[in-house]
Amino acid sequence: MFNKGKVFTVSVMIIALFIGVSSFSITATAEKKDTLTFGIVPWSESLANGSLIAYLLREELGLEVKTMNPDIGAAYTAIAQGDMDLFIESWLPLTHEAYWDKSAAELTDFGPIYEDALLCWAVPDYVPEDVVSSVEDLSKEEVKEKMGGEIVGIDPGAGLMQHSEVMMDEYPALEDWELKDSSDYAMVAELKRRIQRDQWTVVTLWKPHFAFARFPVHCIDEPKGILGEEERCHMVGRKDFMSVFPNEVSEFLSRFYLPVDKVNELTDMYEQYDDAAGEKFAEKYPNTVDYWLNGMEALG
């Protein structure tokens, strides 16, 4: 069920947000728009959340929505320059710290759409924990041999990969290992292939991700904390978003929030139904959608 405690917390934040920006919304003179350009980073949970948000923007709020799939660096640049109206997902405080510090003044932050996010490196469950429980254990010759001396990564612009590159320099255990660029789906395909063959492997991964529901995998310890701790995923818009789109759109985006287990569920739906996942999720959780669209009125 939807977490009412979270609803109350987010609602208080929303009220504070609107008090703070109301004068800006009234005085802004930017031209109104009826088509929203929505950047959805091509990661599984981002595509899943994007399918739901785009569906509600179209069907419930009457906007034309044009979607695109930029990498993270391009997304921050486009949103800061006003070439894109909205994008998910901005991981804070660590993963996208460099992008955020550079662009935050040119963005509208609609707040977290989920929390308890986590970056990690993961291995299959059949890799014995007394052999590999930490990044430090990758120094073992038998481990390096079984894993081929490579860490299977995702797209090189991702914050996860940037921090993984730092790990390659900071951990002596990773000397002579290779961090391989790929993409979210290429990484998952390789993980699936190796698990089917009972091969040892280590991949860059994060929570929420459908891989944790689909495959027997778990995160290993990263003692130096380079990948950070639990984070929040924010939705951000162009700086003048509240003046170029109707207030009800900003209100909806500010209220949109899911517990991380529901993000996993939605991501699983997306893997099965592609863009139809948004509609299916909305049909399954009408009360949650009602709150997003109508706020406190939906709570009676």
C-alpha atoms as a PDB file:
ATOM      1  CA  MET A   1       0.000   0.000   0.000  1.00  0.00           C
ATOM      2  CA  PHE A   2       1.012   3.626  -0.476  1.00  0.00           C
ATOM      3  CA  ASN A   3       2.958   4.957   2.522  1.00  0.00           C
ATOM      4  CA  LYS A   4       0.734   7.614   4.143  1.00  0.00           C
ATOM      5  CA  GLY A   5       3.593   8.810   6.313  1.00  0.00           C
ATOM      6  CA  LYS A   6       5.507   9.634   3.191  1.00  0.00           C
ATOM      7  CA  VAL A   7       2.387  11.325   1.758  1.00  0.00           C
ATOM      8  CA  PHE A   8       2.194  13.660   4.752  1.00  0.00           C
ATOM      9  CA  THR A   9       5.908  14.488   4.621  1.00  0.00           C
ATOM     10  CA  VAL A  10       5.862  15.161   0.905  1.00  0.00           C
ATOM     11  CA  SER A  11       2.657  17.216   1.230  1.00  0.00           C
ATOM     12  CA  VAL A  12       4.263  19.505   3.800  1.00  0.00           C
ATOM     13  CA  MET A  13       7.230  19.943   1.495  1.00  0.00           C
ATOM     14  CA  ILE A  14       4.923  20.753  -1.394  1.00  0.00           C
ATOM     15  CA  ILE A  15       3.086  23.450   0.566  1.00  0.00           C
ATOM     16  CA  ALA A  16       6.411  25.042   1.476  1.00  0.00           C
ATOM     17  CA  LEU A  17       7.533  24.832  -2.130  1.00  0.00           C
ATOM     18  CA  PHE A  18       4.459  26.586  -3.469  1.00  0.00           C
ATOM     19  CA  ILE A  19       4.671  29.352  -0.876  1.00  0.00           C
ATOM     20  CA  GLY A  20       8.233  29.956  -1.952  1.00  0.00           C
ATOM     21  CA  VAL A  21       7.586  30.024  -5.697  1.00  0.00           C
ATOM     22  CA  SER A  22       4.149  31.609  -5.937  1.00  0.00           C
ATOM     23  CA  SER A  23       5.461  35.105  -6.589  1.00  0.00           C
ATOM     24  CA  PHE A  24       7.746  33.780  -9.315  1.00  0.00           C
ATOM     25  CA  SER A  25       4.860  31.996 -11.024  1.00  0.00           C
ATOM     26  CA  ILE A  26       2.729  35.135 -11.015  1.00  0.00           C
ATOM     27  CA  THR A  27       5.385  37.508 -12.318  1.00  0.00           C
ATOM     28  CA  ALA A  28       7.058  35.282 -14.908  1.00  0.00           C
ATOM     29  CA  THR A  29       6.349  36.228 -18.525  1.00  0.00           C
ATOM     30  CA  ALA A  30       7.652  33.203 -20.449  1.00  0.00           C
ATOM     31  CA  GLU A  31       5.472  31.938 -23.284  1.00  0.00           C
ATOM     32  CA  LYS A  32       3.057  29.161 -22.327  1.00  0.00           C
ATOM     33  CA  LYS A  33       3.618  25.687 -23.787  1.00  0.00           C
ATOM     34  CA  ASP A  34       1.230  22.826 -24.516  1.00  0.00           C
ATOM     35  CA  THR A  35       3.896  20.273 -25.518  1.00  0.00           C
ATOM     36  CA  LEU A  36       6.283  18.998 -22.837  1.00  0.00           C
ATOM     37  CA  THR A  37       9.682  17.628 -23.863  1.00  0.00           C
ATOM     38  CA  PHE A  38      10.445  14.879 -21.376  1.00  0.00           C
ATOM     39  CA  GLY A  39      13.938  13.431 -20.997  1.00  0.00           C
ATOM     40  CA  ILE A  40      13.932   9.859 -19.747  1.00  0.00           C
ATOM     41  CA  VAL A  41      17.432   8.505 -19.155  1.00  0.00           C
ATOM     42  CA  PRO A  42      17.608   5.012 -20.741  1.00  0.00           C
ATOM     43  CA  TRP A  43      17.870   3.051 -17.497  1.00  0.00           C
ATOM     44  CA  SER A  44      15.273   0.455 -16.573  1.00  0.00           C
ATOM     45  CA  GLU A  45      13.724   2.197 -13.560  1.00  0.00           C
ATOM     46  CA  SER A  46      13.883   5.595 -15.283  1.00  0.00           C
ATOM     47  CA  LEU A  47      12.055   4.258 -18.339  1.00  0.00           C
ATOM     48  CA  ALA A  48       9.473   2.650 -16.062  1.00  0.00           C
ATOM     49  CA  ASN A  49       8.834   5.801 -14.044  1.00  0.00           C
ATOM     50  CA  GLY A  50       8.840   7.808 -17.262  1.00  0.00           C
ATOM     51  CA  SER A  51       6.159   5.601 -18.817  1.00  0.00           C
ATOM     52  CA  LEU A  52       3.881   6.247 -15.848  1.00  0.00           C
ATOM     53  CA  ILE A  53       4.528   9.996 -15.632  1.00  0.00           C
ATOM     54  CA  ALA A  54       4.136  10.487 -19.401  1.00  0.00           C
ATOM     55  CA  TYR A  55       0.891   8.506 -19.378  1.00  0.00           C
ATOM     56  CA  LEU A  56      -0.600  10.674 -16.627  1.00  0.00           C
ATOM     57  CA  LEU A  57       0.594  13.911 -18.231  1.00  0.00           C
ATOM     58  CA  ARG A  58      -1.152  12.918 -21.447  1.00  0.00           C
ATOM     59  CA  GLU A  59      -4.289  11.190 -20.234  1.00  0.00           C
ATOM     60  CA  GLU A  60      -5.059  13.096 -17.041  1.00  0.00           C
ATOM     61  CA  LEU A  61      -3.493  16.518 -17.594  1.00  0.00           C
ATOM     62  CA  GLY A  62      -4.027  16.862 -21.345  1.00  0.00           C
ATOM     63  CA  LEU A  63      -0.466  17.666 -22.376  1.00  0.00           C
ATOM     64  CA  GLU A  64       1.267  16.622 -25.545  1.00  0.00           C
ATOM     65  CA  VAL A  65       4.426  14.816 -24.399  1.00  0.00           C
ATOM     66  CA  LYS A  66       7.507  14.369 -26.537  1.00  0.00           C
ATOM     67  CA  THR A  67       9.963  11.891 -24.994  1.00  0.00           C
ATOM     68  CA  MET A  68      13.672  11.561 -25.593  1.00  0.00           C
ATOM     69  CA  ASN A  69      16.404   9.384 -24.084  1.00  0.00           C
ATOM     70  CA  PRO A  70      19.539  11.445 -23.424  1.00  0.00           C
ATOM     71  CA  ASP A  71      22.483  10.312 -21.361  1.00  0.00           C
ATOM     72  CA  ILE A  72      22.922  12.013 -18.000  1.00  0.00           C
ATOM     73  CA  GLY A  73      25.422  14.666 -19.083  1.00  0.00           C
ATOM     74  CA  ALA A  74      23.324  15.703 -22.080  1.00  0.00           C
ATOM     75  CA  ALA A  75      20.169  15.744 -19.918  1.00  0.00           C
ATOM     76  CA  TYR A  76      21.595  18.219 -17.418  1.00  0.00           C
ATOM     77  CA  THR A  77      22.870  20.468 -20.218  1.00  0.00           C
ATOM     78  CA  ALA A  78      19.573  20.395 -22.098  1.00  0.00           C
ATOM     79  CA  ILE A  79      17.439  21.110 -19.035  1.00  0.00           C
ATOM     80  CA  ALA A  80      19.712  23.960 -17.910  1.00  0.00           C
ATOM     81  CA  GLN A  81      19.542  25.550 -21.371  1.00  0.00           C
ATOM     82  CA  GLY A  82      15.767  25.125 -21.624  1.00  0.00           C
ATOM     83  CA  ASP A  83      16.027  22.731 -24.580  1.00  0.00           C
ATOM     84  CA  MET A  84      14.246  20.087 -22.498  1.00  0.00           C
ATOM     85  CA  ASP A  85      11.378  20.737 -20.084  1.00  0.00           C
ATOM     86  CA  LEU A  86      11.625  17.846 -17.617  1.00  0.00           C
ATOM     87  CA  PHE A  87      13.828  14.876 -16.865  1.00  0.00           C
ATOM     88  CA  ILE A  88      14.328  11.968 -14.513  1.00  0.00           C
ATOM     89  CA  GLU A  89      16.400  10.924 -12.795  1.00  0.00           C
ATOM     90  CA  SER A  90      18.716  13.108 -10.749  1.00  0.00           C
ATOM     91  CA  TRP A  91      20.503  11.074  -8.038  1.00  0.00           C
ATOM     92  CA  LEU A  92      21.475  13.097  -4.975  1.00  0.00           C
ATOM     93  CA  PRO A  93      23.496  13.903  -2.983  1.00  0.00           C
ATOM     94  CA  LEU A  94      26.521  12.004  -4.393  1.00  0.00           C
ATOM     95  CA  THR A  95      25.993  10.246  -7.706  1.00  0.00           C
ATOM     96  CA  HIS A  96      25.200  13.360  -9.755  1.00  0.00           C
ATOM     97  CA  GLU A  97      26.968  15.806  -7.460  1.00  0.00           C
ATOM     98  CA  ALA A  98      29.212  17.201 -10.211  1.00  0.00           C
ATOM     99  CA  TYR A  99      26.301  17.776 -12.597  1.00  0.00           C
ATOM    100  CA  TRP A 100      24.126  19.215  -9.836  1.00  0.00           C
ATOM    101  CA  ASP A 101      26.722  21.682  -8.594  1.00  0.00           C
ATOM    102  CA  LYS A 102      27.144  23.004 -12.126  1.00  0.00           C
ATOM    103  CA  SER A 103      23.468  23.198 -13.108  1.00  0.00           C
ATOM    104  CA  ALA A 104      21.331  23.520  -9.950  1.00  0.00           C
ATOM    105  CA  ALA A 105      20.805  27.273 -10.322  1.00  0.00           C
ATOM    106  CA  GLU A 106      19.220  26.673 -13.733  1.00  0.00           C
ATOM    107  CA  LEU A 107      16.812  23.946 -12.599  1.00  0.00           C
ATOM    108  CA  THR A 108      13.458  23.548 -10.887  1.00  0.00           C
ATOM    109  CA  ASP A 109      13.666  20.726  -8.346  1.00  0.00           C
ATOM    110  CA  PHE A 110      10.346  18.905  -7.928  1.00  0.00           C
ATOM    111  CA  GLY A 111      11.764  16.829  -5.097  1.00  0.00           C
ATOM    112  CA  PRO A 112      12.422  13.096  -4.712  1.00  0.00           C
ATOM    113  CA  ILE A 113      10.321  10.600  -6.641  1.00  0.00           C
ATOM    114  CA  TYR A 114      11.803   7.781  -4.574  1.00  0.00           C
ATOM    115  CA  GLU A 115      14.373   7.319  -1.816  1.00  0.00           C
ATOM    116  CA  ASP A 116      16.512   4.465  -0.438  1.00  0.00           C
ATOM    117  CA  ALA A 117      18.404   4.293  -3.721  1.00  0.00           C
ATOM    118  CA  LEU A 118      21.818   2.640  -3.649  1.00  0.00           C
ATOM    119  CA  LEU A 119      24.792   2.210  -5.966  1.00  0.00           C
ATOM    120  CA  CYS A 120      26.806  -0.985  -5.666  1.00  0.00           C
ATOM    121  CA  TRP A 121      28.802  -3.708  -7.353  1.00  0.00           C
ATOM    122  CA  ALA A 122      26.993  -7.041  -7.345  1.00  0.00           C
ATOM    123  CA  VAL A 123      27.804 -10.721  -7.786  1.00  0.00           C
ATOM    124  CA  PRO A 124      25.628 -13.825  -8.237  1.00  0.00           C
ATOM    125  CA  ASP A 125      24.450 -15.510  -5.049  1.00  0.00           C
ATOM    126  CA  TYR A 126      26.310 -18.713  -5.921  1.00  0.00           C
ATOM    127  CA  VAL A 127      29.634 -16.891  -5.496  1.00  0.00           C
ATOM    128  CA  PRO A 128      30.514 -17.911  -1.906  1.00  0.00           C
ATOM    129  CA  GLU A 129      30.381 -14.988   0.514  1.00  0.00           C
ATOM    130  CA  ASP A 130      33.388 -16.353   2.390  1.00  0.00           C
ATOM    131  CA  VAL A 131      35.299 -15.916  -0.872  1.00  0.00           C
ATOM    132  CA  VAL A 132      33.789 -12.648  -2.184  1.00  0.00           C
ATOM    133  CA  SER A 133      31.973 -10.375   0.248  1.00  0.00           C
ATOM    134  CA  SER A 134      33.816  -7.124  -0.506  1.00  0.00           C
ATOM    135  CA  VAL A 135      35.538  -5.240  -3.298  1.00  0.00           C
ATOM    136  CA  GLU A 136      38.768  -6.025  -1.448  1.00  0.00           C
ATOM    137  CA  ASP A 137      38.244  -9.743  -2.156  1.00  0.00           C
ATOM    138  CA  LEU A 138      38.702  -9.103  -5.890  1.00  0.00           C
ATOM    139  CA  SER A 139      42.444  -9.118  -5.201  1.00  0.00           C
ATOM    140  CA  LYS A 140      42.321 -12.906  -4.838  1.00  0.00           C
ATOM    141  CA  GLU A 141      43.870 -14.633  -7.815  1.00  0.00           C
ATOM    142  CA  GLU A 142      41.184 -17.333  -7.983  1.00  0.00           C
ATOM    143  CA  VAL A 143      38.478 -14.660  -8.064  1.00  0.00           C
ATOM    144  CA  LYS A 144      40.167 -12.659 -10.792  1.00  0.00           C
ATOM    145  CA  GLU A 145      40.626 -15.815 -12.857  1.00  0.00           C
ATOM    146  CA  LYS A 146      36.991 -16.934 -12.481  1.00  0.00           C
ATOM    147  CA  MET A 147      35.665 -13.453 -13.324  1.00  0.00           C
ATOM    148  CA  GLY A 148      38.034 -12.820 -16.188  1.00  0.00           C
ATOM    149  CA  GLY A 149      39.478  -9.731 -14.535  1.00  0.00           C
ATOM    150  CA  GLU A 150      36.633  -7.471 -15.662  1.00  0.00           C
ATOM    151  CA  ILE A 151      33.798  -5.528 -14.081  1.00  0.00           C
ATOM    152  CA  VAL A 152      30.778  -5.261 -16.382  1.00  0.00           C
ATOM    153  CA  GLY A 153      29.624  -1.637 -16.352  1.00  0.00           C
ATOM    154  CA  ILE A 154      26.924   0.519 -17.916  1.00  0.00           C
ATOM    155  CA  ASP A 155      27.041   3.714 -20.030  1.00  0.00           C
ATOM    156  CA  PRO A 156      30.205   5.750 -19.414  1.00  0.00           C
ATOM    157  CA  GLY A 157      28.361   9.026 -18.660  1.00  0.00           C
ATOM    158  CA  ALA A 158      26.537   7.563 -15.669  1.00  0.00           C
ATOM    159  CA  GLY A 159      27.455   8.698 -12.166  1.00  0.00           C
ATOM    160  CA  LEU A 160      27.796   5.052 -11.153  1.00  0.00           C
ATOM    161  CA  MET A 161      30.524   4.613 -13.756  1.00  0.00           C
ATOM    162  CA  GLN A 162      32.281   7.825 -12.769  1.00  0.00           C
ATOM    163  CA  HIS A 163      32.496   6.667  -9.163  1.00  0.00           C
ATOM    164  CA  SER A 164      33.473   3.165 -10.294  1.00  0.00           C
ATOM    165  CA  GLU A 165      36.382   4.732 -12.203  1.00  0.00           C
ATOM    166  CA  VAL A 166      37.503   6.339  -8.942  1.00  0.00           C
ATOM    167  CA  MET A 167      37.310   2.925  -7.278  1.00  0.00           C
ATOM    168  CA  MET A 168      39.614   1.497  -9.938  1.00  0.00           C
ATOM    169  CA  ASP A 169      42.272   4.002  -8.841  1.00  0.00           C
ATOM    170  CA  GLU A 170      41.645   3.863  -5.096  1.00  0.00           C
ATOM    171  CA  TYR A 171      41.569   0.100  -4.538  1.00  0.00           C
ATOM    172  CA  PRO A 172      44.897  -1.734  -4.952  1.00  0.00           C
ATOM    173  CA  ALA A 173      42.776  -4.893  -5.145  1.00  0.00           C
ATOM    174  CA  LEU A 174      41.573  -3.753  -8.582  1.00  0.00           C
ATOM    175  CA  GLU A 175      45.020  -3.492 -10.125  1.00  0.00           C
ATOM    176  CA  ASP A 176      44.979  -5.181 -13.543  1.00  0.00           C
ATOM    177  CA  TRP A 177      41.167  -5.348 -13.531  1.00  0.00           C
ATOM    178  CA  GLU A 178      39.203  -3.689 -16.353  1.00  0.00           C
ATOM    179  CA  LEU A 179      35.982  -1.686 -15.981  1.00  0.00           C
ATOM    180  CA  LYS A 180      34.070  -2.289 -19.222  1.00  0.00           C
ATOM    181  CA  ASP A 181      31.601   0.279 -20.597  1.00  0.00           C
ATOM    182  CA  SER A 182      28.295  -0.964 -21.981  1.00  0.00           C
ATOM    183  CA  SER A 183      24.714   0.048 -21.161  1.00  0.00           C
ATOM    184  CA  ASP A 184      22.038  -0.898 -18.645  1.00  0.00           C
ATOM    185  CA  TYR A 185      20.492  -3.516 -20.915  1.00  0.00           C
ATOM    186  CA  ALA A 186      23.818  -4.810 -22.219  1.00  0.00           C
ATOM    187  CA  MET A 187      24.977  -5.271 -18.625  1.00  0.00           C
ATOM    188  CA  VAL A 188      21.784  -7.152 -17.749  1.00  0.00           C
ATOM    189  CA  ALA A 189      22.105  -9.348 -20.847  1.00  0.00           C
ATOM    190  CA  GLU A 190      25.673 -10.225 -19.915  1.00  0.00           C
ATOM    191  CA  LEU A 191      24.678 -10.890 -16.299  1.00  0.00           C
ATOM    192  CA  LYS A 192      21.883 -13.207 -17.478  1.00  0.00           C
ATOM    193  CA  ARG A 193      24.208 -15.040 -19.876  1.00  0.00           C
ATOM    194  CA  ARG A 194      26.811 -15.658 -17.191  1.00  0.00           C
ATOM    195  CA  ILE A 195      24.290 -16.754 -14.582  1.00  0.00           C
ATOM    196  CA  GLN A 196      22.800 -19.245 -17.042  1.00  0.00           C
ATOM    197  CA  ARG A 197      26.291 -20.723 -17.335  1.00  0.00           C
ATOM    198  CA  ASP A 198      27.025 -20.528 -13.582  1.00  0.00           C
ATOM    199  CA  GLN A 199      29.944 -18.250 -14.320  1.00  0.00           C
ATOM    200  CA  TRP A 200      31.338 -15.873 -11.722  1.00  0.00           C
ATOM    201  CA  THR A 201      30.972 -12.199 -12.540  1.00  0.00           C
ATOM    202  CA  VAL A 202      30.811  -8.754 -10.956  1.00  0.00           C
ATOM    203  CA  VAL A 203      28.625  -5.988 -12.381  1.00  0.00           C
ATOM    204  CA  THR A 204      27.875  -2.356 -11.605  1.00  0.00           C
ATOM    205  CA  LEU A 205      24.304  -2.195 -10.328  1.00  0.00           C
ATOM    206  CA  TRP A 206      21.935  -0.084  -8.311  1.00  0.00           C
ATOM    207  CA  LYS A 207      18.698  -0.202  -6.380  1.00  0.00           C
ATOM    208  CA  PRO A 208      15.957  -0.032  -7.490  1.00  0.00           C
ATOM    209  CA  HIS A 209      16.593  -2.365 -10.435  1.00  0.00           C
ATOM    210  CA  PHE A 210      14.587  -5.285 -11.760  1.00  0.00           C
ATOM    211  CA  ALA A 211      17.750  -7.426 -11.783  1.00  0.00           C
ATOM    212  CA  PHE A 212      17.364  -7.969  -8.043  1.00  0.00           C
ATOM    213  CA  ALA A 213      13.926  -9.492  -8.647  1.00  0.00           C
ATOM    214  CA  ARG A 214      14.905 -11.456 -11.729  1.00  0.00           C
ATOM    215  CA  PHE A 215      18.308 -12.878 -10.820  1.00  0.00           C
ATOM    216  CA  PRO A 216      20.020 -14.372  -7.738  1.00  0.00           C
ATOM    217  CA  VAL A 217      22.381 -11.442  -7.098  1.00  0.00           C
ATOM    218  CA  HIS A 218      23.470  -9.340  -4.139  1.00  0.00           C
ATOM    219  CA  CYS A 219      25.625  -6.287  -3.492  1.00  0.00           C
ATOM    220  CA  ILE A 220      29.122  -6.652  -2.070  1.00  0.00           C
ATOM    221  CA  ASP A 221      30.686  -4.304   0.470  1.00  0.00           C
ATOM    222  CA  GLU A 222      32.580  -1.234  -0.692  1.00  0.00           C
ATOM    223  CA  PRO A 223      34.591  -0.258   2.423  1.00  0.00           C
ATOM    224  CA  LYS A 224      35.872   3.133   1.231  1.00  0.00           C
ATOM    225  CA  GLY A 225      32.375   4.455   0.590  1.00  0.00           C
ATOM    226  CA  ILE A 226      33.202   5.802  -2.858  1.00  0.00           C
ATOM    227  CA  LEU A 227      29.782   4.710  -4.129  1.00  0.00           C
ATOM    228  CA  GLY A 228      28.171   6.551  -1.237  1.00  0.00           C
ATOM    229  CA  GLU A 229      25.246   5.523   0.882  1.00  0.00           C
ATOM    230  CA  GLU A 230      21.504   5.562   0.281  1.00  0.00           C
ATOM    231  CA  GLU A 231      20.405   8.361  -2.027  1.00  0.00           C
ATOM    232  CA  ARG A 232      17.330  10.090  -3.401  1.00  0.00           C
ATOM    233  CA  CYS A 233      16.156  10.245  -6.997  1.00  0.00           C
ATOM    234  CA  HIS A 234      14.787  13.685  -7.921  1.00  0.00           C
ATOM    235  CA  MET A 235      12.718  14.892 -10.867  1.00  0.00           C
ATOM    236  CA  VAL A 236      13.854  18.254 -12.248  1.00  0.00           C
ATOM    237  CA  GLY A 237      12.538  20.759 -14.752  1.00  0.00           C
ATOM    238  CA  ARG A 238      13.734  23.803 -16.638  1.00  0.00           C
ATOM    239  CA  LYS A 239      14.160  26.913 -14.498  1.00  0.00           C
ATOM    240  CA  ASP A 240      10.984  28.613 -15.774  1.00  0.00           C
ATOM    241  CA  PHE A 241       8.861  25.441 -15.748  1.00  0.00           C
ATOM    242  CA  MET A 242       6.221  26.869 -13.422  1.00  0.00           C
ATOM    243  CA  SER A 243       5.596  29.821 -15.694  1.00  0.00           C
ATOM    244  CA  VAL A 244       5.328  27.941 -19.005  1.00  0.00           C
ATOM    245  CA  PHE A 245       3.118  25.039 -17.884  1.00  0.00           C
ATOM    246  CA  PRO A 246      -0.175  25.072 -15.931  1.00  0.00           C
ATOM    247  CA  ASN A 247       0.050  25.053 -12.136  1.00  0.00           C
ATOM    248  CA  GLU A 248      -1.676  21.657 -11.977  1.00  0.00           C
ATOM    249  CA  VAL A 249       1.291  20.111 -13.822  1.00  0.00           C
ATOM    250  CA  SER A 250       3.816  21.424 -11.291  1.00  0.00           C
ATOM    251  CA  GLU A 251       1.561  20.323  -8.437  1.00  0.00           C
ATOM    252  CA  PHE A 252       1.319  16.813  -9.887  1.00  0.00           C
ATOM    253  CA  LEU A 253       5.086  16.539 -10.381  1.00  0.00           C
ATOM    254  CA  SER A 254       5.753  17.766  -6.847  1.00  0.00           C
ATOM    255  CA  ARG A 255       3.426  15.130  -5.383  1.00  0.00           C
ATOM    256  CA  PHE A 256       4.682  12.217  -7.482  1.00  0.00           C
ATOM    257  CA  TYR A 257       6.442   9.803  -5.113  1.00  0.00           C
ATOM    258  CA  LEU A 258       6.806   6.021  -4.836  1.00  0.00           C
ATOM    259  CA  PRO A 259       8.308   3.789  -2.134  1.00  0.00           C
ATOM    260  CA  VAL A 260      11.253   1.910  -3.575  1.00  0.00           C
ATOM    261  CA  ASP A 261       9.439  -1.446  -3.526  1.00  0.00           C
ATOM    262  CA  LYS A 262       6.759   0.056  -5.785  1.00  0.00           C
ATOM    263  CA  VAL A 263       9.487   1.319  -8.113  1.00  0.00           C
ATOM    264  CA  ASN A 264      10.748  -2.258  -8.365  1.00  0.00           C
ATOM    265  CA  GLU A 265       7.212  -3.413  -9.152  1.00  0.00           C
ATOM    266  CA  LEU A 266       6.728  -0.729 -11.790  1.00  0.00           C
ATOM    267  CA  THR A 267      10.110  -1.547 -13.330  1.00  0.00           C
ATOM    268  CA  ASP A 268       9.146  -5.210 -13.524  1.00  0.00           C
ATOM    269  CA  MET A 269       5.910  -4.186 -15.262  1.00  0.00           C
ATOM    270  CA  TYR A 270       7.887  -2.145 -17.764  1.00  0.00           C
ATOM    271  CA  GLU A 271      10.074  -5.128 -18.583  1.00  0.00           C
ATOM    272  CA  GLN A 272       6.909  -7.083 -19.383  1.00  0.00           C
ATOM    273  CA  TYR A 273       4.663  -4.470 -21.009  1.00  0.00           C
ATOM    274  CA  ASP A 274       6.973  -1.695 -22.213  1.00  0.00           C
ATOM    275  CA  ASP A 275       5.210   1.704 -22.374  1.00  0.00           C
ATOM    276  CA  ALA A 276       1.860   0.121 -21.451  1.00  0.00           C
ATOM    277  CA  ALA A 277       3.275  -0.360 -17.934  1.00  0.00           C
ATOM    278  CA  GLY A 278       2.307   3.186 -16.954  1.00  0.00           C
ATOM    279  CA  GLU A 279      -1.367   2.619 -17.672  1.00  0.00           C
ATOM    280  CA  LYS A 280      -1.367  -0.790 -15.982  1.00  0.00           C
ATOM    281  CA  PHE A 281       0.250   0.593 -12.834  1.00  0.00           C
ATOM    282  CA  ALA A 282      -2.192   3.529 -12.721  1.00  0.00           C
ATOM    283  CA  GLU A 283      -5.122   1.119 -12.991  1.00  0.00           C
ATOM    284  CA  LYS A 284      -3.745  -1.025 -10.163  1.00  0.00           C
ATOM    285  CA  TYR A 285      -3.177   1.915  -7.778  1.00  0.00           C
ATOM    286  CA  PRO A 286      -5.998   4.417  -8.459  1.00  0.00           C
ATOM    287  CA  ASN A 287      -5.921   5.949  -4.961  1.00  0.00           C
ATOM    288  CA  THR A 288      -2.245   6.797  -5.274  1.00  0.00           C
ATOM    289  CA  VAL A 289      -2.811   8.338  -8.695  1.00  0.00           C
ATOM    290  CA  ASP A 290      -5.778  10.297  -7.319  1.00  0.00           C
ATOM    291  CA  TYR A 291      -3.519  11.816  -4.667  1.00  0.00           C
ATOM    292  CA  TRP A 292      -0.843  12.750  -7.193  1.00  0.00           C
ATOM    293  CA  LEU A 293      -3.415  14.504  -9.351  1.00  0.00           C
ATOM    294  CA  ASN A 294      -5.633  16.075  -6.699  1.00  0.00           C
ATOM    295  CA  GLY A 295      -3.533  16.395  -3.578  1.00  0.00           C
ATOM    296  CA  MET A 296      -5.116  16.613  -0.149  1.00  0.00           C
ATOM    297  CA  GLU A 297      -8.608  16.591  -1.660  1.00  0.00           C
ATOM    298  CA  ALA A 298      -8.037  12.968  -2.630  1.00  0.00           C
ATOM    299  CA  LEU A 299      -7.368  12.084   1.002  1.00  0.00           C
ATOM    300  CA  GLY A 300     -10.794  13.260   2.094  1.00  0.00           C
END
